[in-house]
Amino acid sequence: MLPCIVKEFSDIRAQFSCYSSNGYAKKTEYEIMCELEGMSHLLRTYPEEFPNLPSGRLADKLAAQLQMSKSTIGSTAPSQTI
């Protein structure tokens, strides 16, 4: 028997959670860029789903969620995303 925690998520939160928590293996720059692009789209399109993220620029929100520096986010993401 394994203990588990069941959380009720909307489809948007589930997709965002999949992007932000999938960090077990070393990722390529392309994989990181695709994740940032997907997360950016969700944050811009559905801001009401993420009330607990800090207010401010999109790069700040992504950096807080992924525990990365803003400069890493800015250099990895495509320029039209952030």
Protein backbone atom coordinates (compact mmCIF):
# COMPACT_ATOMS: atom_id res chain seq x y z
CA MET A 1 0.00 0.00 0.00
CA LEU A 2 1.28 3.45 -0.90
CA PRO A 3 -0.11 6.64 0.59
CA CYS A 4 -1.39 9.17 -1.88
CA ILE A 5 -2.92 12.62 -1.86
CA VAL A 6 -5.84 13.22 -4.17
CA LYS A 7 -6.24 16.81 -5.34
CA GLU A 8 -9.10 18.25 -7.33
CA PHE A 9 -7.65 20.21 -10.26
CA SER A 10 -9.21 21.89 -13.21
CA ASP A 11 -7.86 20.79 -16.58
CA ILE A 12 -5.83 24.01 -16.79
CA ARG A 13 -4.22 23.50 -13.37
CA ALA A 14 -3.51 19.84 -14.18
CA GLN A 15 -1.73 20.79 -17.40
CA PHE A 16 0.27 23.50 -15.63
CA SER A 17 1.16 21.09 -12.85
CA CYS A 18 2.40 18.58 -15.38
CA TYR A 19 4.70 21.20 -16.90
CA SER A 20 6.01 22.53 -13.61
CA SER A 21 6.52 19.28 -11.74
CA ASN A 22 8.14 17.21 -14.48
CA GLY A 23 11.72 17.73 -13.38
CA TYR A 24 13.23 14.34 -12.70
CA ALA A 25 15.61 13.96 -15.62
CA LYS A 26 18.00 16.38 -17.27
CA LYS A 27 16.14 18.34 -19.94
CA THR A 28 17.41 19.76 -23.18
CA GLU A 29 17.11 23.46 -23.94
CA TYR A 30 14.36 22.64 -26.42
CA GLU A 31 12.31 20.74 -23.81
CA ILE A 32 12.65 23.61 -21.35
CA MET A 33 11.64 26.10 -24.06
CA CYS A 34 8.51 24.06 -24.91
CA GLU A 35 7.53 23.85 -21.25
CA LEU A 36 8.00 27.60 -20.78
CA GLU A 37 5.95 28.29 -23.88
CA GLY A 38 3.10 26.06 -22.65
CA MET A 39 3.16 27.53 -19.15
CA SER A 40 3.26 31.09 -20.52
CA HIS A 41 0.22 30.38 -22.66
CA LEU A 42 -1.72 29.03 -19.66
CA LEU A 43 -0.74 31.97 -17.44
CA ARG A 44 -1.74 34.55 -20.04
CA THR A 45 -4.96 32.83 -21.11
CA TYR A 46 -6.26 31.71 -17.69
CA PRO A 47 -4.86 34.10 -15.03
CA GLU A 48 -7.83 33.43 -12.73
CA GLU A 49 -6.65 29.82 -12.31
CA PHE A 50 -3.39 30.95 -10.66
CA PRO A 51 -4.22 33.34 -7.82
CA ASN A 52 -1.31 32.16 -5.63
CA LEU A 53 1.48 33.12 -8.06
CA PRO A 54 3.12 36.50 -7.42
CA SER A 55 1.85 39.47 -9.35
CA GLY A 56 4.10 41.16 -11.86
CA ARG A 57 5.78 40.20 -15.07
CA LEU A 58 5.28 36.81 -16.65
CA ALA A 59 9.00 36.02 -16.30
CA ASP A 60 8.74 36.64 -12.54
CA LYS A 61 5.82 34.23 -12.25
CA LEU A 62 7.58 31.51 -14.22
CA ALA A 63 10.81 31.97 -12.29
CA ALA A 64 8.95 31.67 -8.98
CA GLN A 65 7.10 28.54 -10.08
CA LEU A 66 10.13 26.78 -11.57
CA GLN A 67 12.63 28.05 -9.00
CA MET A 68 14.86 29.43 -11.73
CA SER A 69 16.35 32.87 -12.18
CA LYS A 70 14.59 35.44 -14.36
CA SER A 71 17.64 35.68 -16.59
CA THR A 72 17.54 31.91 -17.24
CA ILE A 73 13.85 32.15 -18.09
CA GLY A 74 14.48 35.09 -20.43
CA SER A 75 17.37 33.42 -22.24
CA THR A 76 15.63 30.06 -22.67
CA ALA A 77 12.12 31.12 -23.68
CA PRO A 78 11.36 32.30 -27.20
CA SER A 79 11.22 36.10 -27.35
CA GLN A 80 7.51 36.26 -28.25
CA THR A 81 6.59 34.07 -25.25
CA ILE A 82 7.85 36.22 -22.37
